[in-house]
Amino acid sequence: FGNKPTKITDIENLRIKETDRIEALKTELSKFNLAKIKTGKNFIEIIPKSKLRHGNKNNHKIIISTYNDHRIAMAFGILKTKFKNLKIENPKCVSKSYPTFWSDLKKLT
């Protein structure tokens, strides 16, 4: 939810995990339509279009594909606290590394 560009570099190893996590992040972050996302061999850059809203005020449903990747599911799962109409496909994939993730997240909200 920053208002300045964020560039994460030296992450080329994310391309060879359960999925290409750099491209997955680009695809899924683009669904929020709040920032321009640039990627390269070893980076992702998130450039806010304007001051980011802290939540989904227009009530459109955002469906996140997890690519059966537990870390993608958890990363976007955290956004459910701000975007009430966010749906995570295949949420059970988190059981690979953190079986109680969803119940623990619920305790925090």
N, C-alpha and C. Protein backbone atom coordinates (compact mmCIF):
# COMPACT_ATOMS: atom_id res chain seq x y z
N PHE A 1 0.81 -1.21 0.00
CA PHE A 1 0.00 0.00 0.00
C PHE A 1 0.85 1.26 0.00
N GLY A 2 2.09 1.15 -0.43
CA GLY A 2 2.96 2.31 -0.51
C GLY A 2 2.55 3.22 -1.65
N ASN A 3 3.02 4.44 -1.60
CA ASN A 3 2.69 5.41 -2.64
C ASN A 3 3.86 5.69 -3.58
N LYS A 4 4.97 5.00 -3.35
CA LYS A 4 6.14 5.16 -4.20
C LYS A 4 6.45 3.81 -4.85
N PRO A 5 7.14 3.84 -5.98
CA PRO A 5 7.50 2.57 -6.62
C PRO A 5 8.34 1.68 -5.71
N THR A 6 8.11 0.39 -5.80
CA THR A 6 8.87 -0.60 -5.06
C THR A 6 9.50 -1.55 -6.07
N LYS A 7 10.79 -1.75 -5.99
CA LYS A 7 11.48 -2.67 -6.87
C LYS A 7 12.22 -3.70 -6.02
N ILE A 8 11.91 -4.96 -6.26
CA ILE A 8 12.56 -6.06 -5.55
C ILE A 8 13.47 -6.75 -6.56
N THR A 9 14.76 -6.84 -6.23
CA THR A 9 15.74 -7.36 -7.19
C THR A 9 16.44 -8.61 -6.67
N ASP A 10 17.21 -9.20 -7.56
CA ASP A 10 17.99 -10.41 -7.25
C ASP A 10 17.11 -11.56 -6.80
N ILE A 11 16.00 -11.74 -7.49
CA ILE A 11 15.02 -12.77 -7.13
C ILE A 11 14.81 -13.79 -8.25
N GLU A 12 15.82 -13.96 -9.10
CA GLU A 12 15.66 -14.87 -10.24
C GLU A 12 15.33 -16.29 -9.82
N ASN A 13 15.71 -16.69 -8.59
CA ASN A 13 15.39 -18.03 -8.12
C ASN A 13 13.88 -18.25 -7.97
N LEU A 14 13.10 -17.17 -7.88
CA LEU A 14 11.64 -17.31 -7.77
C LEU A 14 11.00 -17.83 -9.06
N ARG A 15 11.75 -17.80 -10.14
CA ARG A 15 11.22 -18.30 -11.41
C ARG A 15 11.23 -19.83 -11.48
N ILE A 16 11.94 -20.48 -10.56
CA ILE A 16 12.09 -21.94 -10.65
C ILE A 16 11.52 -22.65 -9.41
N LYS A 17 10.50 -22.09 -8.83
CA LYS A 17 9.83 -22.71 -7.66
C LYS A 17 8.63 -23.50 -8.17
N GLU A 18 7.62 -23.70 -7.32
CA GLU A 18 6.43 -24.44 -7.75
C GLU A 18 5.81 -23.84 -9.00
N THR A 19 5.94 -22.55 -9.12
CA THR A 19 5.51 -21.82 -10.32
C THR A 19 6.52 -20.69 -10.52
N ASP A 20 6.41 -20.00 -11.63
CA ASP A 20 7.23 -18.79 -11.83
C ASP A 20 6.59 -17.71 -10.96
N ARG A 21 7.09 -17.55 -9.77
CA ARG A 21 6.45 -16.66 -8.80
C ARG A 21 6.52 -15.18 -9.22
N ILE A 22 7.50 -14.80 -9.98
CA ILE A 22 7.57 -13.41 -10.45
C ILE A 22 6.40 -13.14 -11.39
N GLU A 23 6.19 -14.01 -12.35
CA GLU A 23 5.08 -13.82 -13.29
C GLU A 23 3.73 -13.99 -12.59
N ALA A 24 3.66 -14.92 -11.64
CA ALA A 24 2.41 -15.10 -10.89
C ALA A 24 2.06 -13.82 -10.13
N LEU A 25 3.04 -13.23 -9.48
CA LEU A 25 2.79 -11.97 -8.77
C LEU A 25 2.34 -10.88 -9.72
N LYS A 26 2.99 -10.78 -10.86
CA LYS A 26 2.61 -9.77 -11.84
C LYS A 26 1.16 -9.97 -12.28
N THR A 27 0.81 -11.18 -12.62
CA THR A 27 -0.54 -11.47 -13.10
C THR A 27 -1.58 -11.18 -12.03
N GLU A 28 -1.35 -11.65 -10.83
CA GLU A 28 -2.35 -11.51 -9.77
C GLU A 28 -2.42 -10.09 -9.23
N LEU A 29 -1.29 -9.41 -9.07
CA LEU A 29 -1.32 -8.02 -8.62
C LEU A 29 -2.03 -7.12 -9.63
N SER A 30 -1.92 -7.45 -10.91
CA SER A 30 -2.57 -6.66 -11.95
C SER A 30 -4.09 -6.68 -11.83
N LYS A 31 -4.63 -7.72 -11.23
CA LYS A 31 -6.09 -7.84 -11.07
C LYS A 31 -6.65 -6.75 -10.16
N PHE A 32 -5.83 -6.16 -9.32
CA PHE A 32 -6.30 -5.10 -8.43
C PHE A 32 -6.41 -3.76 -9.15
N ASN A 33 -5.74 -3.64 -10.29
CA ASN A 33 -5.76 -2.42 -11.10
C ASN A 33 -5.36 -1.18 -10.30
N LEU A 34 -4.39 -1.34 -9.41
CA LEU A 34 -3.94 -0.23 -8.58
C LEU A 34 -2.51 0.19 -8.86
N ALA A 35 -1.82 -0.60 -9.67
CA ALA A 35 -0.41 -0.31 -9.93
C ALA A 35 -0.01 -0.90 -11.28
N LYS A 36 1.04 -0.34 -11.84
CA LYS A 36 1.66 -0.92 -13.03
C LYS A 36 2.73 -1.87 -12.52
N ILE A 37 2.79 -3.06 -13.09
CA ILE A 37 3.74 -4.06 -12.64
C ILE A 37 4.71 -4.34 -13.77
N LYS A 38 6.00 -4.19 -13.48
CA LYS A 38 7.05 -4.50 -14.45
C LYS A 38 7.86 -5.67 -13.90
N THR A 39 8.27 -6.55 -14.80
CA THR A 39 9.12 -7.66 -14.38
C THR A 39 10.27 -7.83 -15.36
N GLY A 40 11.30 -8.46 -14.88
CA GLY A 40 12.45 -8.81 -15.70
C GLY A 40 12.99 -10.14 -15.22
N LYS A 41 14.12 -10.51 -15.73
CA LYS A 41 14.72 -11.80 -15.37
C LYS A 41 14.87 -11.98 -13.86
N ASN A 42 15.25 -10.91 -13.17
CA ASN A 42 15.52 -11.04 -11.73
C ASN A 42 14.89 -9.94 -10.88
N PHE A 43 13.75 -9.36 -11.34
CA PHE A 43 13.12 -8.30 -10.54
C PHE A 43 11.62 -8.23 -10.80
N ILE A 44 10.96 -7.58 -9.86
CA ILE A 44 9.58 -7.13 -10.03
C ILE A 44 9.53 -5.71 -9.50
N GLU A 45 8.84 -4.85 -10.23
CA GLU A 45 8.68 -3.46 -9.81
C GLU A 45 7.20 -3.14 -9.80
N ILE A 46 6.75 -2.55 -8.70
CA ILE A 46 5.35 -2.19 -8.51
C ILE A 46 5.28 -0.67 -8.46
N ILE A 47 4.57 -0.07 -9.43
CA ILE A 47 4.50 1.38 -9.54
C ILE A 47 3.04 1.79 -9.33
N PRO A 48 2.72 2.38 -8.18
CA PRO A 48 1.33 2.76 -7.90
C PRO A 48 0.79 3.72 -8.95
N LYS A 49 -0.46 3.51 -9.36
CA LYS A 49 -1.09 4.41 -10.32
C LYS A 49 -1.46 5.73 -9.66
N SER A 50 -1.88 5.66 -8.43
CA SER A 50 -2.22 6.83 -7.62
C SER A 50 -2.18 6.37 -6.17
N LYS A 51 -2.57 7.21 -5.27
CA LYS A 51 -2.58 6.80 -3.87
C LYS A 51 -3.45 5.55 -3.73
N LEU A 52 -2.85 4.50 -3.21
CA LEU A 52 -3.57 3.23 -3.11
C LEU A 52 -4.66 3.30 -2.05
N ARG A 53 -5.77 2.66 -2.39
CA ARG A 53 -6.86 2.54 -1.43
C ARG A 53 -6.54 1.40 -0.48
N HIS A 54 -6.93 1.55 0.73
CA HIS A 54 -6.73 0.48 1.71
C HIS A 54 -7.99 -0.36 1.78
N GLY A 55 -8.26 -1.05 0.71
CA GLY A 55 -9.44 -1.90 0.67
C GLY A 55 -10.14 -1.78 -0.67
N ASN A 56 -11.11 -2.62 -0.84
CA ASN A 56 -11.85 -2.70 -2.09
C ASN A 56 -13.19 -2.00 -1.92
N LYS A 57 -13.25 -0.72 -2.27
CA LYS A 57 -14.47 0.06 -2.05
C LYS A 57 -15.49 -0.14 -3.16
N ASN A 58 -15.07 -0.59 -4.33
CA ASN A 58 -16.02 -0.71 -5.44
C ASN A 58 -16.68 -2.09 -5.51
N ASN A 59 -16.35 -2.97 -4.57
CA ASN A 59 -17.00 -4.26 -4.42
C ASN A 59 -16.86 -5.21 -5.60
N HIS A 60 -15.94 -4.98 -6.52
CA HIS A 60 -15.79 -5.98 -7.58
C HIS A 60 -14.98 -7.15 -7.05
N LYS A 61 -15.38 -8.32 -7.47
CA LYS A 61 -14.73 -9.54 -6.99
C LYS A 61 -13.38 -9.71 -7.67
N ILE A 62 -12.38 -10.05 -6.89
CA ILE A 62 -11.04 -10.33 -7.39
C ILE A 62 -10.77 -11.80 -7.08
N ILE A 63 -10.49 -12.57 -8.10
CA ILE A 63 -10.22 -13.99 -7.93
C ILE A 63 -8.74 -14.23 -8.18
N ILE A 64 -8.06 -14.75 -7.16
CA ILE A 64 -6.62 -14.97 -7.22
C ILE A 64 -6.34 -16.44 -7.53
N SER A 65 -5.60 -16.67 -8.57
CA SER A 65 -5.12 -18.02 -8.88
C SER A 65 -3.89 -18.28 -8.04
N THR A 66 -3.80 -19.46 -7.46
CA THR A 66 -2.65 -19.78 -6.62
C THR A 66 -1.58 -20.58 -7.37
N TYR A 67 -1.93 -21.12 -8.53
CA TYR A 67 -0.99 -21.95 -9.29
C TYR A 67 -0.55 -23.16 -8.46
N ASN A 68 -1.40 -23.54 -7.50
CA ASN A 68 -1.11 -24.62 -6.56
C ASN A 68 0.18 -24.35 -5.78
N ASP A 69 0.47 -23.10 -5.55
CA ASP A 69 1.69 -22.66 -4.86
C ASP A 69 1.30 -22.06 -3.51
N HIS A 70 1.73 -22.71 -2.46
CA HIS A 70 1.38 -22.30 -1.10
C HIS A 70 1.78 -20.87 -0.79
N ARG A 71 2.90 -20.42 -1.27
CA ARG A 71 3.36 -19.07 -0.95
C ARG A 71 2.54 -18.00 -1.67
N ILE A 72 2.10 -18.27 -2.87
CA ILE A 72 1.21 -17.33 -3.57
C ILE A 72 -0.11 -17.23 -2.81
N ALA A 73 -0.65 -18.36 -2.40
CA ALA A 73 -1.91 -18.36 -1.66
C ALA A 73 -1.79 -17.55 -0.37
N MET A 74 -0.72 -17.77 0.37
CA MET A 74 -0.56 -17.05 1.64
C MET A 74 -0.31 -15.56 1.42
N ALA A 75 0.48 -15.21 0.42
CA ALA A 75 0.76 -13.80 0.15
C ALA A 75 -0.52 -13.03 -0.14
N PHE A 76 -1.36 -13.60 -0.99
CA PHE A 76 -2.60 -12.91 -1.33
C PHE A 76 -3.67 -13.12 -0.26
N GLY A 77 -3.58 -14.20 0.50
CA GLY A 77 -4.53 -14.42 1.58
C GLY A 77 -4.51 -13.30 2.59
N ILE A 78 -3.36 -12.75 2.84
CA ILE A 78 -3.23 -11.64 3.78
C ILE A 78 -4.05 -10.44 3.31
N LEU A 79 -4.16 -10.27 1.99
CA LEU A 79 -4.92 -9.14 1.46
C LEU A 79 -6.43 -9.27 1.68
N LYS A 80 -6.89 -10.48 2.04
CA LYS A 80 -8.31 -10.65 2.33
C LYS A 80 -8.76 -9.77 3.49
N THR A 81 -7.83 -9.35 4.33
CA THR A 81 -8.19 -8.48 5.44
C THR A 81 -8.56 -7.08 4.96
N LYS A 82 -8.07 -6.68 3.79
CA LYS A 82 -8.37 -5.36 3.23
C LYS A 82 -9.36 -5.42 2.07
N PHE A 83 -9.39 -6.52 1.38
CA PHE A 83 -10.25 -6.69 0.21
C PHE A 83 -11.25 -7.81 0.50
N LYS A 84 -12.40 -7.44 1.00
CA LYS A 84 -13.38 -8.43 1.46
C LYS A 84 -13.92 -9.30 0.32
N ASN A 85 -13.90 -8.82 -0.91
CA ASN A 85 -14.41 -9.59 -2.04
C ASN A 85 -13.32 -10.38 -2.75
N LEU A 86 -12.20 -10.56 -2.10
CA LEU A 86 -11.10 -11.33 -2.66
C LEU A 86 -11.37 -12.82 -2.46
N LYS A 87 -11.19 -13.59 -3.51
CA LYS A 87 -11.38 -15.04 -3.42
C LYS A 87 -10.06 -15.70 -3.82
N ILE A 88 -9.62 -16.64 -3.01
CA ILE A 88 -8.40 -17.39 -3.28
C ILE A 88 -8.79 -18.76 -3.82
N GLU A 89 -8.38 -19.05 -5.05
CA GLU A 89 -8.64 -20.38 -5.61
C GLU A 89 -7.68 -21.39 -4.98
N ASN A 90 -8.16 -22.56 -4.70
CA ASN A 90 -7.36 -23.65 -4.12
C ASN A 90 -6.64 -23.22 -2.84
N PRO A 91 -7.37 -22.72 -1.86
CA PRO A 91 -6.72 -22.27 -0.63
C PRO A 91 -6.05 -23.40 0.15
N LYS A 92 -6.45 -24.64 -0.08
CA LYS A 92 -5.88 -25.76 0.66
C LYS A 92 -4.42 -26.05 0.30
N CYS A 93 -3.91 -25.43 -0.75
CA CYS A 93 -2.51 -25.67 -1.13
C CYS A 93 -1.54 -25.19 -0.05
N VAL A 94 -2.00 -24.35 0.89
CA VAL A 94 -1.12 -23.88 1.96
C VAL A 94 -0.73 -25.00 2.91
N SER A 95 -1.44 -26.12 2.87
CA SER A 95 -1.15 -27.22 3.79
C SER A 95 0.25 -27.80 3.59
N LYS A 96 0.85 -27.51 2.45
CA LYS A 96 2.22 -27.98 2.19
C LYS A 96 3.21 -27.44 3.23
N SER A 97 3.04 -26.19 3.61
CA SER A 97 4.01 -25.58 4.53
C SER A 97 3.40 -25.02 5.81
N TYR A 98 2.08 -24.75 5.79
CA TYR A 98 1.47 -24.08 6.94
C TYR A 98 0.00 -24.47 7.01
N PRO A 99 -0.28 -25.67 7.46
CA PRO A 99 -1.66 -26.19 7.46
C PRO A 99 -2.66 -25.33 8.24
N THR A 100 -2.22 -24.59 9.24
CA THR A 100 -3.15 -23.78 10.04
C THR A 100 -3.15 -22.31 9.62
N PHE A 101 -2.62 -22.02 8.45
CA PHE A 101 -2.51 -20.63 8.00
C PHE A 101 -3.85 -19.89 8.06
N TRP A 102 -4.90 -20.47 7.49
CA TRP A 102 -6.18 -19.76 7.39
C TRP A 102 -6.79 -19.53 8.77
N SER A 103 -6.71 -20.51 9.65
CA SER A 103 -7.28 -20.30 10.99
C SER A 103 -6.42 -19.32 11.79
N ASP A 104 -5.12 -19.36 11.61
CA ASP A 104 -4.25 -18.38 12.29
C ASP A 104 -4.50 -16.97 11.77
N LEU A 105 -4.68 -16.84 10.46
CA LEU A 105 -4.96 -15.52 9.88
C LEU A 105 -6.27 -14.98 10.41
N LYS A 106 -7.27 -15.82 10.52
CA LYS A 106 -8.56 -15.38 11.02
C LYS A 106 -8.44 -14.87 12.46
N LYS A 107 -7.60 -15.46 13.26
CA LYS A 107 -7.40 -15.02 14.65
C LYS A 107 -6.83 -13.59 14.71
N LEU A 108 -6.09 -13.20 13.69
CA LEU A 108 -5.46 -11.88 13.67
C LEU A 108 -6.40 -10.77 13.23
N THR A 109 -7.51 -11.14 12.61
CA THR A 109 -8.41 -10.11 12.07
C THR A 109 -9.58 -9.83 12.97
